[in-house]
Amino acid sequence: MTKNFLIAGMAISWLLVIALPPACGQSNDLSVWDLHTERKHTPYVQYLHTGGKVVAFARYNYDASRTVGLCAGPKIGREFFSVVPEGCGYYGKSRGYGPEVLVFSETTRVSFVQQTQYFLGTAGARRFVYDFTDLRVKMGRHLSAGVYAQFLAERGEKSQTDVGPSARINIGKSYIFISPMASASRTMRGQKTFLIGLGYAW
């Protein structure tokens, strides 16, 4: 995690933390993640605002290396189940645009989150479809556990699917998320991926 990564990512996130909540209501999540494969570490920063009728999602180094992603769209539904169709723009080392759909479901026992995006790179940048699904059952006040899966299909490359258990530990407004995954793709079967996140929700 380089100095430039931290400066750029946190500057974007905190700018949105300051600017968005007064305009859209309260419900925010700021987090730092690391996706570790056998080949490399990929750290990234995310800020998600789900309050009010508009959802805003900003991230750095998530969609592509040294690239900022800014997404926004209307929230359709209620707290126990909502769908958010978003439009996204990407700027940095990779540039592009594309649609994205977020699905949220929250009950007293079950938590479900899904993201599906289509990244349309410009000027020769990558084009890909990415999806992740996180389904967890609440085991108590501070712990929930379940399954996490992600899928990536990129133009000119073989698709990849990773699946594994997931757990989230809540400590006040802070949380830790972990998911050790293994590839279910035929050509990469058994390849290990580990996702860990540290976040603050308010």
N, C-alpha and C. Protein backbone atom coordinates (compact mmCIF):
# COMPACT_ATOMS: atom_id res chain seq x y z
N MET A 1 0.86 -1.18 0.00
CA MET A 1 0.00 0.00 0.00
C MET A 1 0.90 1.23 0.00
N THR A 2 0.95 1.93 -1.12
CA THR A 2 1.89 3.02 -1.27
C THR A 2 1.33 4.32 -0.70
N LYS A 3 2.26 5.28 -0.54
CA LYS A 3 1.87 6.60 -0.04
C LYS A 3 0.89 7.26 -1.00
N ASN A 4 1.15 7.16 -2.30
CA ASN A 4 0.25 7.78 -3.29
C ASN A 4 -1.14 7.16 -3.24
N PHE A 5 -1.19 5.84 -3.05
CA PHE A 5 -2.48 5.17 -2.96
C PHE A 5 -3.28 5.69 -1.78
N LEU A 6 -2.65 5.78 -0.62
CA LEU A 6 -3.34 6.26 0.57
C LEU A 6 -3.82 7.69 0.43
N ILE A 7 -2.96 8.55 -0.08
CA ILE A 7 -3.31 9.96 -0.23
C ILE A 7 -4.49 10.14 -1.17
N ALA A 8 -4.41 9.53 -2.36
CA ALA A 8 -5.48 9.69 -3.36
C ALA A 8 -6.77 9.05 -2.88
N GLY A 9 -6.69 7.83 -2.37
CA GLY A 9 -7.90 7.14 -1.96
C GLY A 9 -8.61 7.82 -0.81
N MET A 10 -7.87 8.18 0.22
CA MET A 10 -8.50 8.81 1.37
C MET A 10 -8.99 10.21 1.06
N ALA A 11 -8.30 10.94 0.20
CA ALA A 11 -8.75 12.28 -0.17
C ALA A 11 -10.10 12.22 -0.86
N ILE A 12 -10.25 11.28 -1.79
CA ILE A 12 -11.53 11.13 -2.50
C ILE A 12 -12.63 10.70 -1.54
N SER A 13 -12.32 9.73 -0.70
CA SER A 13 -13.33 9.22 0.23
C SER A 13 -13.80 10.29 1.21
N TRP A 14 -12.85 11.02 1.80
CA TRP A 14 -13.24 12.02 2.78
C TRP A 14 -13.93 13.22 2.15
N LEU A 15 -13.60 13.53 0.90
CA LEU A 15 -14.31 14.58 0.19
C LEU A 15 -15.78 14.22 0.07
N LEU A 16 -16.05 12.96 -0.25
CA LEU A 16 -17.44 12.52 -0.37
C LEU A 16 -18.11 12.41 1.00
N VAL A 17 -17.35 12.01 2.01
CA VAL A 17 -17.91 11.95 3.37
C VAL A 17 -18.42 13.33 3.79
N ILE A 18 -17.66 14.36 3.45
CA ILE A 18 -18.03 15.73 3.83
C ILE A 18 -19.17 16.25 2.97
N ALA A 19 -19.14 15.95 1.67
CA ALA A 19 -20.07 16.58 0.73
C ALA A 19 -21.43 15.90 0.65
N LEU A 20 -21.48 14.56 0.71
CA LEU A 20 -22.72 13.87 0.42
C LEU A 20 -23.73 13.79 1.56
N PRO A 21 -23.34 13.40 2.78
CA PRO A 21 -24.34 13.23 3.82
C PRO A 21 -25.25 14.41 4.07
N PRO A 22 -24.77 15.66 4.11
CA PRO A 22 -25.70 16.76 4.34
C PRO A 22 -26.77 16.87 3.25
N ALA A 23 -26.42 16.46 2.03
CA ALA A 23 -27.36 16.58 0.92
C ALA A 23 -28.31 15.40 0.82
N CYS A 24 -27.89 14.22 1.28
CA CYS A 24 -28.65 13.00 1.00
C CYS A 24 -29.11 12.25 2.24
N GLY A 25 -28.84 12.72 3.44
CA GLY A 25 -29.19 11.97 4.62
C GLY A 25 -28.00 11.20 5.16
N GLN A 26 -28.25 10.32 6.14
CA GLN A 26 -27.16 9.61 6.80
C GLN A 26 -27.25 8.12 6.53
N SER A 27 -26.14 7.50 6.28
CA SER A 27 -25.94 6.05 6.18
C SER A 27 -24.70 5.86 5.34
N ASN A 28 -23.57 5.74 6.01
CA ASN A 28 -22.29 5.79 5.32
C ASN A 28 -21.38 4.65 5.75
N ASP A 29 -20.51 4.24 4.83
CA ASP A 29 -19.57 3.16 5.10
C ASP A 29 -18.25 3.50 4.41
N LEU A 30 -17.20 3.65 5.21
CA LEU A 30 -15.87 3.94 4.69
C LEU A 30 -14.97 2.76 5.04
N SER A 31 -14.29 2.17 4.06
CA SER A 31 -13.53 0.96 4.32
C SER A 31 -12.26 0.88 3.49
N VAL A 32 -11.30 0.13 4.02
CA VAL A 32 -10.04 -0.16 3.34
C VAL A 32 -9.93 -1.67 3.20
N TRP A 33 -9.57 -2.15 2.01
CA TRP A 33 -9.57 -3.58 1.72
C TRP A 33 -8.24 -4.02 1.13
N ASP A 34 -8.02 -5.34 1.19
CA ASP A 34 -6.88 -5.94 0.50
C ASP A 34 -7.31 -7.28 -0.07
N LEU A 35 -7.17 -7.42 -1.39
CA LEU A 35 -7.46 -8.67 -2.08
C LEU A 35 -6.14 -9.32 -2.43
N HIS A 36 -5.86 -10.45 -1.81
CA HIS A 36 -4.56 -11.11 -1.96
C HIS A 36 -4.71 -12.41 -2.72
N THR A 37 -4.01 -12.53 -3.83
CA THR A 37 -3.96 -13.78 -4.58
C THR A 37 -2.53 -14.32 -4.49
N GLU A 38 -2.30 -15.45 -5.14
CA GLU A 38 -0.97 -16.03 -5.14
C GLU A 38 0.03 -15.16 -5.92
N ARG A 39 -0.50 -14.24 -6.73
CA ARG A 39 0.36 -13.41 -7.57
C ARG A 39 0.61 -12.01 -7.00
N LYS A 40 -0.40 -11.42 -6.34
CA LYS A 40 -0.23 -10.03 -5.91
C LYS A 40 -1.22 -9.64 -4.82
N HIS A 41 -0.93 -8.48 -4.19
CA HIS A 41 -1.85 -7.80 -3.29
C HIS A 41 -2.52 -6.66 -4.05
N THR A 42 -3.81 -6.47 -3.84
CA THR A 42 -4.51 -5.33 -4.43
C THR A 42 -5.25 -4.58 -3.33
N PRO A 43 -4.66 -3.52 -2.78
CA PRO A 43 -5.36 -2.72 -1.77
C PRO A 43 -6.32 -1.73 -2.44
N TYR A 44 -7.44 -1.45 -1.80
CA TYR A 44 -8.35 -0.45 -2.36
C TYR A 44 -9.18 0.19 -1.24
N VAL A 45 -9.72 1.37 -1.54
CA VAL A 45 -10.52 2.15 -0.60
C VAL A 45 -11.92 2.33 -1.18
N GLN A 46 -12.94 2.23 -0.32
CA GLN A 46 -14.32 2.41 -0.77
C GLN A 46 -15.08 3.34 0.18
N TYR A 47 -15.99 4.12 -0.41
CA TYR A 47 -16.95 4.88 0.39
C TYR A 47 -18.33 4.64 -0.21
N LEU A 48 -19.28 4.20 0.61
CA LEU A 48 -20.63 3.90 0.14
C LEU A 48 -21.64 4.68 0.97
N HIS A 49 -22.47 5.44 0.28
CA HIS A 49 -23.56 6.19 0.93
C HIS A 49 -24.89 5.61 0.47
N THR A 50 -25.70 5.10 1.40
CA THR A 50 -26.98 4.49 1.04
C THR A 50 -28.18 5.20 1.66
N GLY A 51 -27.97 6.36 2.28
CA GLY A 51 -29.06 7.10 2.90
C GLY A 51 -29.89 7.84 1.87
N GLY A 52 -31.15 8.08 2.20
CA GLY A 52 -32.02 8.83 1.31
C GLY A 52 -32.41 8.03 0.07
N LYS A 53 -32.78 8.73 -0.98
CA LYS A 53 -33.25 8.09 -2.21
C LYS A 53 -32.14 7.88 -3.23
N VAL A 54 -30.96 8.42 -2.95
CA VAL A 54 -29.84 8.30 -3.87
C VAL A 54 -28.68 7.57 -3.21
N VAL A 55 -28.12 6.59 -3.91
CA VAL A 55 -26.95 5.85 -3.43
C VAL A 55 -25.73 6.33 -4.21
N ALA A 56 -24.65 6.59 -3.49
CA ALA A 56 -23.39 7.00 -4.12
C ALA A 56 -22.29 6.04 -3.69
N PHE A 57 -21.48 5.64 -4.64
CA PHE A 57 -20.44 4.65 -4.39
C PHE A 57 -19.14 5.17 -5.02
N ALA A 58 -18.13 5.41 -4.19
CA ALA A 58 -16.84 5.88 -4.69
C ALA A 58 -15.76 4.91 -4.25
N ARG A 59 -14.81 4.64 -5.12
CA ARG A 59 -13.73 3.72 -4.77
C ARG A 59 -12.46 4.06 -5.55
N TYR A 60 -11.34 3.62 -5.00
CA TYR A 60 -10.05 3.86 -5.64
C TYR A 60 -9.25 2.56 -5.66
N ASN A 61 -8.72 2.22 -6.82
CA ASN A 61 -7.90 1.02 -7.03
C ASN A 61 -8.72 -0.26 -7.01
N TYR A 62 -10.04 -0.14 -7.07
CA TYR A 62 -10.95 -1.29 -7.01
C TYR A 62 -11.27 -1.82 -8.40
N ASP A 63 -11.70 -0.94 -9.28
CA ASP A 63 -12.10 -1.35 -10.63
C ASP A 63 -10.90 -1.63 -11.52
N ALA A 64 -9.85 -0.86 -11.33
CA ALA A 64 -8.60 -1.02 -12.08
C ALA A 64 -7.49 -0.32 -11.31
N SER A 65 -6.26 -0.66 -11.62
CA SER A 65 -5.12 -0.09 -10.91
C SER A 65 -5.07 1.42 -11.04
N ARG A 66 -4.88 2.11 -9.90
CA ARG A 66 -4.76 3.57 -9.83
C ARG A 66 -5.89 4.27 -10.58
N THR A 67 -7.10 3.78 -10.38
CA THR A 67 -8.28 4.31 -11.07
C THR A 67 -9.37 4.63 -10.06
N VAL A 68 -9.97 5.80 -10.21
CA VAL A 68 -11.10 6.22 -9.37
C VAL A 68 -12.40 5.82 -10.05
N GLY A 69 -13.31 5.22 -9.29
CA GLY A 69 -14.65 4.91 -9.78
C GLY A 69 -15.68 5.71 -9.00
N LEU A 70 -16.56 6.39 -9.70
CA LEU A 70 -17.64 7.18 -9.09
C LEU A 70 -18.96 6.71 -9.68
N CYS A 71 -19.86 6.23 -8.81
CA CYS A 71 -21.15 5.69 -9.26
C CYS A 71 -22.28 6.31 -8.44
N ALA A 72 -23.45 6.46 -9.06
CA ALA A 72 -24.61 6.98 -8.36
C ALA A 72 -25.88 6.50 -9.05
N GLY A 73 -26.93 6.33 -8.24
CA GLY A 73 -28.20 5.90 -8.80
C GLY A 73 -29.30 5.90 -7.76
N PRO A 74 -30.56 5.79 -8.20
CA PRO A 74 -31.70 5.81 -7.27
C PRO A 74 -31.87 4.48 -6.55
N LYS A 75 -32.32 4.56 -5.30
CA LYS A 75 -32.59 3.34 -4.53
C LYS A 75 -34.06 3.00 -4.68
N ILE A 76 -34.33 1.79 -5.17
CA ILE A 76 -35.70 1.34 -5.41
C ILE A 76 -36.00 0.21 -4.43
N GLY A 77 -36.99 0.42 -3.58
CA GLY A 77 -37.36 -0.61 -2.61
C GLY A 77 -37.31 -0.08 -1.19
N ARG A 78 -37.29 -1.02 -0.25
CA ARG A 78 -37.27 -0.67 1.17
C ARG A 78 -36.03 -1.26 1.83
N GLU A 79 -35.90 -1.07 3.14
CA GLU A 79 -34.70 -1.48 3.84
C GLU A 79 -34.46 -2.98 3.75
N PHE A 80 -35.55 -3.80 3.81
CA PHE A 80 -35.35 -5.25 3.80
C PHE A 80 -34.98 -5.76 2.41
N PHE A 81 -35.27 -4.97 1.35
CA PHE A 81 -34.84 -5.36 0.00
C PHE A 81 -34.87 -4.12 -0.91
N SER A 82 -33.73 -3.81 -1.52
CA SER A 82 -33.67 -2.67 -2.42
C SER A 82 -32.71 -2.97 -3.57
N VAL A 83 -33.01 -2.36 -4.71
CA VAL A 83 -32.19 -2.49 -5.92
C VAL A 83 -31.74 -1.09 -6.33
N VAL A 84 -30.47 -0.97 -6.71
CA VAL A 84 -29.91 0.33 -7.08
C VAL A 84 -29.25 0.23 -8.47
N PRO A 85 -29.92 0.72 -9.52
CA PRO A 85 -29.26 0.80 -10.82
C PRO A 85 -28.40 2.06 -10.87
N GLU A 86 -27.11 1.91 -11.17
CA GLU A 86 -26.20 3.03 -11.14
C GLU A 86 -25.53 3.25 -12.49
N GLY A 87 -25.14 4.49 -12.69
CA GLY A 87 -24.25 4.84 -13.79
C GLY A 87 -22.89 5.16 -13.20
N CYS A 88 -21.82 4.66 -13.83
CA CYS A 88 -20.47 4.81 -13.27
C CYS A 88 -19.53 5.45 -14.28
N GLY A 89 -18.60 6.23 -13.75
CA GLY A 89 -17.52 6.79 -14.56
C GLY A 89 -16.19 6.45 -13.91
N TYR A 90 -15.17 6.20 -14.72
CA TYR A 90 -13.86 5.79 -14.22
C TYR A 90 -12.79 6.69 -14.80
N TYR A 91 -11.87 7.11 -13.93
CA TYR A 91 -10.82 8.02 -14.36
C TYR A 91 -9.52 7.69 -13.65
N GLY A 92 -8.43 7.71 -14.38
CA GLY A 92 -7.12 7.43 -13.80
C GLY A 92 -6.27 6.68 -14.81
N LYS A 93 -5.56 5.66 -14.35
CA LYS A 93 -4.74 4.87 -15.25
C LYS A 93 -5.60 4.21 -16.33
N SER A 94 -6.82 3.79 -15.93
CA SER A 94 -7.83 3.29 -16.87
C SER A 94 -9.01 4.25 -16.88
N ARG A 95 -9.56 4.48 -18.05
CA ARG A 95 -10.73 5.36 -18.17
C ARG A 95 -11.88 4.60 -18.82
N GLY A 96 -13.09 4.95 -18.41
CA GLY A 96 -14.24 4.27 -18.98
C GLY A 96 -15.53 4.67 -18.31
N TYR A 97 -16.56 3.88 -18.56
CA TYR A 97 -17.88 4.13 -18.01
C TYR A 97 -18.64 2.81 -18.04
N GLY A 98 -19.84 2.80 -17.51
CA GLY A 98 -20.64 1.59 -17.57
C GLY A 98 -21.73 1.53 -16.53
N PRO A 99 -22.68 0.61 -16.72
CA PRO A 99 -23.76 0.42 -15.76
C PRO A 99 -23.34 -0.49 -14.62
N GLU A 100 -24.06 -0.37 -13.52
CA GLU A 100 -23.81 -1.21 -12.34
C GLU A 100 -25.13 -1.38 -11.60
N VAL A 101 -25.34 -2.54 -11.00
CA VAL A 101 -26.54 -2.79 -10.21
C VAL A 101 -26.13 -3.31 -8.84
N LEU A 102 -26.63 -2.66 -7.80
CA LEU A 102 -26.42 -3.11 -6.42
C LEU A 102 -27.73 -3.66 -5.87
N VAL A 103 -27.65 -4.74 -5.12
CA VAL A 103 -28.83 -5.32 -4.46
C VAL A 103 -28.52 -5.45 -2.97
N PHE A 104 -29.41 -4.93 -2.13
CA PHE A 104 -29.24 -5.00 -0.68
C PHE A 104 -30.47 -5.66 -0.06
N SER A 105 -30.25 -6.56 0.88
CA SER A 105 -31.35 -7.13 1.65
C SER A 105 -30.89 -7.33 3.08
N GLU A 106 -31.67 -6.84 4.01
CA GLU A 106 -31.27 -6.89 5.43
C GLU A 106 -32.49 -7.24 6.27
N THR A 107 -32.42 -8.36 6.99
CA THR A 107 -33.46 -8.73 7.94
C THR A 107 -32.81 -8.92 9.31
N THR A 108 -33.59 -9.33 10.29
CA THR A 108 -33.03 -9.53 11.62
C THR A 108 -32.05 -10.70 11.66
N ARG A 109 -32.11 -11.58 10.67
CA ARG A 109 -31.26 -12.77 10.68
C ARG A 109 -30.29 -12.86 9.50
N VAL A 110 -30.66 -12.28 8.36
CA VAL A 110 -29.89 -12.49 7.13
C VAL A 110 -29.47 -11.17 6.51
N SER A 111 -28.23 -11.14 5.99
CA SER A 111 -27.71 -9.98 5.26
C SER A 111 -27.26 -10.45 3.88
N PHE A 112 -27.69 -9.70 2.84
CA PHE A 112 -27.35 -10.08 1.47
C PHE A 112 -26.94 -8.83 0.69
N VAL A 113 -25.80 -8.91 0.01
CA VAL A 113 -25.33 -7.81 -0.84
C VAL A 113 -24.82 -8.40 -2.16
N GLN A 114 -25.19 -7.77 -3.26
CA GLN A 114 -24.69 -8.20 -4.56
C GLN A 114 -24.37 -6.98 -5.42
N GLN A 115 -23.26 -7.05 -6.13
CA GLN A 115 -22.87 -6.01 -7.07
C GLN A 115 -22.59 -6.65 -8.42
N THR A 116 -23.17 -6.09 -9.47
CA THR A 116 -22.89 -6.54 -10.84
C THR A 116 -22.53 -5.32 -11.67
N GLN A 117 -21.36 -5.32 -12.29
CA GLN A 117 -20.94 -4.16 -13.07
C GLN A 117 -20.42 -4.57 -14.45
N TYR A 118 -20.55 -3.64 -15.39
CA TYR A 118 -20.00 -3.81 -16.72
C TYR A 118 -19.09 -2.62 -16.98
N PHE A 119 -17.79 -2.87 -17.02
CA PHE A 119 -16.79 -1.82 -17.20
C PHE A 119 -16.47 -1.71 -18.69
N LEU A 120 -16.80 -0.56 -19.27
CA LEU A 120 -16.52 -0.31 -20.69
C LEU A 120 -15.34 0.64 -20.77
N GLY A 121 -14.16 0.11 -20.96
CA GLY A 121 -12.97 0.94 -21.02
C GLY A 121 -12.87 1.69 -22.33
N THR A 122 -12.31 2.90 -22.27
CA THR A 122 -12.08 3.69 -23.48
C THR A 122 -10.59 3.74 -23.78
N ALA A 123 -10.26 4.13 -24.99
CA ALA A 123 -8.85 4.27 -25.41
C ALA A 123 -8.06 2.99 -25.17
N GLY A 124 -8.69 1.84 -25.49
CA GLY A 124 -7.98 0.58 -25.38
C GLY A 124 -7.93 -0.02 -23.99
N ALA A 125 -8.64 0.57 -23.01
CA ALA A 125 -8.64 0.04 -21.64
C ALA A 125 -9.47 -1.25 -21.56
N ARG A 126 -9.37 -1.92 -20.42
CA ARG A 126 -10.06 -3.19 -20.23
C ARG A 126 -11.58 -3.07 -20.37
N ARG A 127 -12.18 -4.18 -20.77
CA ARG A 127 -13.63 -4.32 -20.75
C ARG A 127 -13.94 -5.63 -20.03
N PHE A 128 -14.80 -5.54 -19.01
CA PHE A 128 -15.07 -6.75 -18.25
C PHE A 128 -16.41 -6.68 -17.55
N VAL A 129 -16.88 -7.84 -17.15
CA VAL A 129 -18.06 -7.99 -16.29
C VAL A 129 -17.59 -8.55 -14.96
N TYR A 130 -18.02 -7.92 -13.86
CA TYR A 130 -17.64 -8.38 -12.53
C TYR A 130 -18.89 -8.49 -11.66
N ASP A 131 -18.92 -9.54 -10.84
CA ASP A 131 -20.04 -9.73 -9.93
C ASP A 131 -19.52 -10.30 -8.61
N PHE A 132 -20.02 -9.77 -7.50
CA PHE A 132 -19.76 -10.42 -6.21
C PHE A 132 -21.07 -10.56 -5.46
N THR A 133 -21.15 -11.62 -4.66
CA THR A 133 -22.33 -11.89 -3.84
C THR A 133 -21.86 -12.26 -2.44
N ASP A 134 -22.46 -11.63 -1.44
CA ASP A 134 -22.13 -11.91 -0.04
C ASP A 134 -23.43 -12.20 0.70
N LEU A 135 -23.56 -13.42 1.19
CA LEU A 135 -24.75 -13.84 1.94
C LEU A 135 -24.30 -14.32 3.30
N ARG A 136 -24.80 -13.66 4.36
CA ARG A 136 -24.39 -14.01 5.72
C ARG A 136 -25.59 -14.12 6.65
N VAL A 137 -25.47 -15.02 7.62
CA VAL A 137 -26.48 -15.20 8.67
C VAL A 137 -25.91 -14.64 9.97
N LYS A 138 -26.70 -13.87 10.68
CA LYS A 138 -26.25 -13.26 11.93
C LYS A 138 -26.22 -14.31 13.04
N MET A 139 -25.02 -14.47 13.63
CA MET A 139 -24.81 -15.46 14.66
C MET A 139 -24.93 -14.87 16.07
N GLY A 140 -25.05 -13.57 16.14
CA GLY A 140 -25.13 -12.88 17.41
C GLY A 140 -25.01 -11.38 17.17
N ARG A 141 -24.83 -10.65 18.23
CA ARG A 141 -24.76 -9.19 18.12
C ARG A 141 -23.53 -8.72 17.35
N HIS A 142 -22.43 -9.45 17.48
CA HIS A 142 -21.17 -8.98 16.91
C HIS A 142 -20.65 -9.82 15.74
N LEU A 143 -21.31 -10.93 15.41
CA LEU A 143 -20.77 -11.84 14.41
C LEU A 143 -21.83 -12.28 13.41
N SER A 144 -21.44 -12.29 12.13
CA SER A 144 -22.26 -12.90 11.09
C SER A 144 -21.33 -13.70 10.18
N ALA A 145 -21.84 -14.79 9.63
CA ALA A 145 -21.01 -15.67 8.81
C ALA A 145 -21.84 -16.25 7.67
N GLY A 146 -21.16 -16.55 6.56
CA GLY A 146 -21.87 -17.10 5.42
C GLY A 146 -20.93 -17.46 4.30
N VAL A 147 -21.30 -17.06 3.08
CA VAL A 147 -20.53 -17.42 1.90
C VAL A 147 -20.34 -16.18 1.01
N TYR A 148 -19.16 -16.11 0.38
CA TYR A 148 -18.82 -15.00 -0.51
C TYR A 148 -18.38 -15.59 -1.84
N ALA A 149 -18.82 -15.00 -2.95
CA ALA A 149 -18.43 -15.47 -4.27
C ALA A 149 -18.20 -14.29 -5.19
N GLN A 150 -17.23 -14.40 -6.08
CA GLN A 150 -16.98 -13.36 -7.07
C GLN A 150 -16.72 -13.99 -8.43
N PHE A 151 -17.12 -13.25 -9.48
CA PHE A 151 -16.98 -13.72 -10.85
C PHE A 151 -16.42 -12.61 -11.71
N LEU A 152 -15.44 -12.93 -12.57
CA LEU A 152 -14.83 -11.95 -13.46
C LEU A 152 -14.72 -12.54 -14.86
N ALA A 153 -15.25 -11.83 -15.84
CA ALA A 153 -15.12 -12.22 -17.24
C ALA A 153 -14.59 -11.02 -18.00
N GLU A 154 -13.38 -11.14 -18.52
CA GLU A 154 -12.73 -10.03 -19.20
C GLU A 154 -12.48 -10.38 -20.66
N ARG A 155 -12.63 -9.39 -21.51
CA ARG A 155 -12.44 -9.59 -22.93
C ARG A 155 -11.03 -10.11 -23.22
N GLY A 156 -10.96 -11.21 -23.92
CA GLY A 156 -9.67 -11.78 -24.26
C GLY A 156 -9.04 -12.65 -23.20
N GLU A 157 -9.73 -12.82 -22.06
CA GLU A 157 -9.19 -13.63 -20.96
C GLU A 157 -10.22 -14.69 -20.56
N LYS A 158 -9.75 -15.74 -19.88
CA LYS A 158 -10.65 -16.76 -19.38
C LYS A 158 -11.36 -16.26 -18.12
N SER A 159 -12.63 -16.60 -17.99
CA SER A 159 -13.40 -16.16 -16.84
C SER A 159 -12.91 -16.86 -15.57
N GLN A 160 -13.18 -16.23 -14.43
CA GLN A 160 -12.74 -16.78 -13.16
C GLN A 160 -13.84 -16.64 -12.12
N THR A 161 -14.04 -17.69 -11.34
CA THR A 161 -15.01 -17.70 -10.24
C THR A 161 -14.31 -18.13 -8.96
N ASP A 162 -14.47 -17.36 -7.89
CA ASP A 162 -13.90 -17.68 -6.59
C ASP A 162 -15.03 -17.77 -5.57
N VAL A 163 -14.96 -18.78 -4.70
CA VAL A 163 -16.01 -19.00 -3.70
C VAL A 163 -15.35 -19.38 -2.37
N GLY A 164 -15.94 -18.90 -1.27
CA GLY A 164 -15.41 -19.27 0.03
C GLY A 164 -16.29 -18.78 1.16
N PRO A 165 -16.00 -19.19 2.38
CA PRO A 165 -16.75 -18.71 3.54
C PRO A 165 -16.43 -17.24 3.82
N SER A 166 -17.34 -16.56 4.49
CA SER A 166 -17.10 -15.17 4.86
C SER A 166 -17.56 -14.95 6.29
N ALA A 167 -16.97 -13.94 6.93
CA ALA A 167 -17.36 -13.59 8.30
C ALA A 167 -17.15 -12.11 8.50
N ARG A 168 -18.04 -11.52 9.26
CA ARG A 168 -17.92 -10.10 9.63
C ARG A 168 -18.05 -9.98 11.14
N ILE A 169 -17.08 -9.29 11.73
CA ILE A 169 -17.07 -9.04 13.17
C ILE A 169 -17.30 -7.55 13.40
N ASN A 170 -18.35 -7.20 14.12
CA ASN A 170 -18.68 -5.81 14.41
C ASN A 170 -18.19 -5.43 15.80
N ILE A 171 -17.49 -4.31 15.86
CA ILE A 171 -16.99 -3.77 17.13
C ILE A 171 -17.44 -2.31 17.20
N GLY A 172 -18.60 -2.08 17.80
CA GLY A 172 -19.18 -0.74 17.77
C GLY A 172 -19.56 -0.39 16.34
N LYS A 173 -19.09 0.75 15.86
CA LYS A 173 -19.37 1.14 14.48
C LYS A 173 -18.31 0.63 13.51
N SER A 174 -17.26 0.03 14.04
CA SER A 174 -16.20 -0.53 13.19
C SER A 174 -16.47 -2.00 12.91
N TYR A 175 -15.83 -2.52 11.86
CA TYR A 175 -16.01 -3.93 11.54
C TYR A 175 -14.78 -4.48 10.82
N ILE A 176 -14.65 -5.80 10.90
CA ILE A 176 -13.62 -6.54 10.17
C ILE A 176 -14.33 -7.59 9.33
N PHE A 177 -13.97 -7.67 8.06
CA PHE A 177 -14.56 -8.66 7.15
C PHE A 177 -13.45 -9.53 6.58
N ILE A 178 -13.65 -10.85 6.56
CA ILE A 178 -12.67 -11.75 5.97
C ILE A 178 -13.36 -12.81 5.13
N SER A 179 -12.69 -13.22 4.06
CA SER A 179 -13.19 -14.31 3.23
C SER A 179 -12.03 -15.00 2.53
N PRO A 180 -11.69 -16.22 2.97
CA PRO A 180 -10.71 -17.02 2.24
C PRO A 180 -11.42 -17.81 1.13
N MET A 181 -11.02 -17.59 -0.11
CA MET A 181 -11.70 -18.20 -1.24
C MET A 181 -10.77 -19.12 -2.03
N ALA A 182 -11.39 -20.01 -2.79
CA ALA A 182 -10.66 -20.87 -3.71
C ALA A 182 -11.34 -20.78 -5.07
N SER A 183 -10.55 -20.87 -6.14
CA SER A 183 -11.09 -20.76 -7.48
C SER A 183 -11.90 -22.01 -7.84
N ALA A 184 -13.07 -21.76 -8.45
CA ALA A 184 -13.91 -22.85 -8.93
C ALA A 184 -13.81 -23.00 -10.44
N SER A 185 -12.96 -22.17 -11.08
CA SER A 185 -12.79 -22.23 -12.53
C SER A 185 -11.94 -23.43 -12.91
N ARG A 186 -12.24 -24.03 -14.04
CA ARG A 186 -11.56 -25.24 -14.45
C ARG A 186 -10.06 -25.04 -14.61
N THR A 187 -9.65 -23.93 -15.22
CA THR A 187 -8.22 -23.71 -15.49
C THR A 187 -7.45 -23.18 -14.28
N MET A 188 -8.17 -22.73 -13.24
CA MET A 188 -7.51 -22.16 -12.07
C MET A 188 -7.94 -22.85 -10.78
N ARG A 189 -8.46 -24.05 -10.91
CA ARG A 189 -9.05 -24.74 -9.76
C ARG A 189 -8.05 -24.86 -8.61
N GLY A 190 -8.50 -24.45 -7.43
CA GLY A 190 -7.66 -24.53 -6.25
C GLY A 190 -6.84 -23.30 -5.95
N GLN A 191 -6.77 -22.35 -6.90
CA GLN A 191 -6.01 -21.13 -6.64
C GLN A 191 -6.65 -20.35 -5.49
N LYS A 192 -5.83 -19.92 -4.56
CA LYS A 192 -6.34 -19.28 -3.34
C LYS A 192 -6.42 -17.76 -3.49
N THR A 193 -7.47 -17.19 -2.92
CA THR A 193 -7.66 -15.74 -2.86
C THR A 193 -8.14 -15.40 -1.46
N PHE A 194 -7.60 -14.34 -0.89
CA PHE A 194 -7.99 -13.94 0.48
C PHE A 194 -8.40 -12.47 0.47
N LEU A 195 -9.60 -12.20 0.95
CA LEU A 195 -10.12 -10.83 1.03
C LEU A 195 -10.27 -10.44 2.49
N ILE A 196 -9.73 -9.27 2.84
CA ILE A 196 -9.90 -8.73 4.19
C ILE A 196 -10.23 -7.25 4.10
N GLY A 197 -11.14 -6.81 4.95
CA GLY A 197 -11.54 -5.41 4.94
C GLY A 197 -11.69 -4.87 6.36
N LEU A 198 -11.33 -3.61 6.53
CA LEU A 198 -11.52 -2.89 7.79
C LEU A 198 -12.39 -1.68 7.49
N GLY A 199 -13.50 -1.55 8.20
CA GLY A 199 -14.43 -0.48 7.87
C GLY A 199 -15.02 0.22 9.08
N TYR A 200 -15.65 1.36 8.77
CA TYR A 200 -16.35 2.15 9.79
C TYR A 200 -17.68 2.59 9.19
N ALA A 201 -18.77 2.22 9.83
CA ALA A 201 -20.10 2.54 9.33
C ALA A 201 -20.84 3.43 10.32
N TRP A 202 -21.50 4.46 9.78
CA TRP A 202 -22.25 5.37 10.66
C TRP A 202 -23.46 5.95 9.92
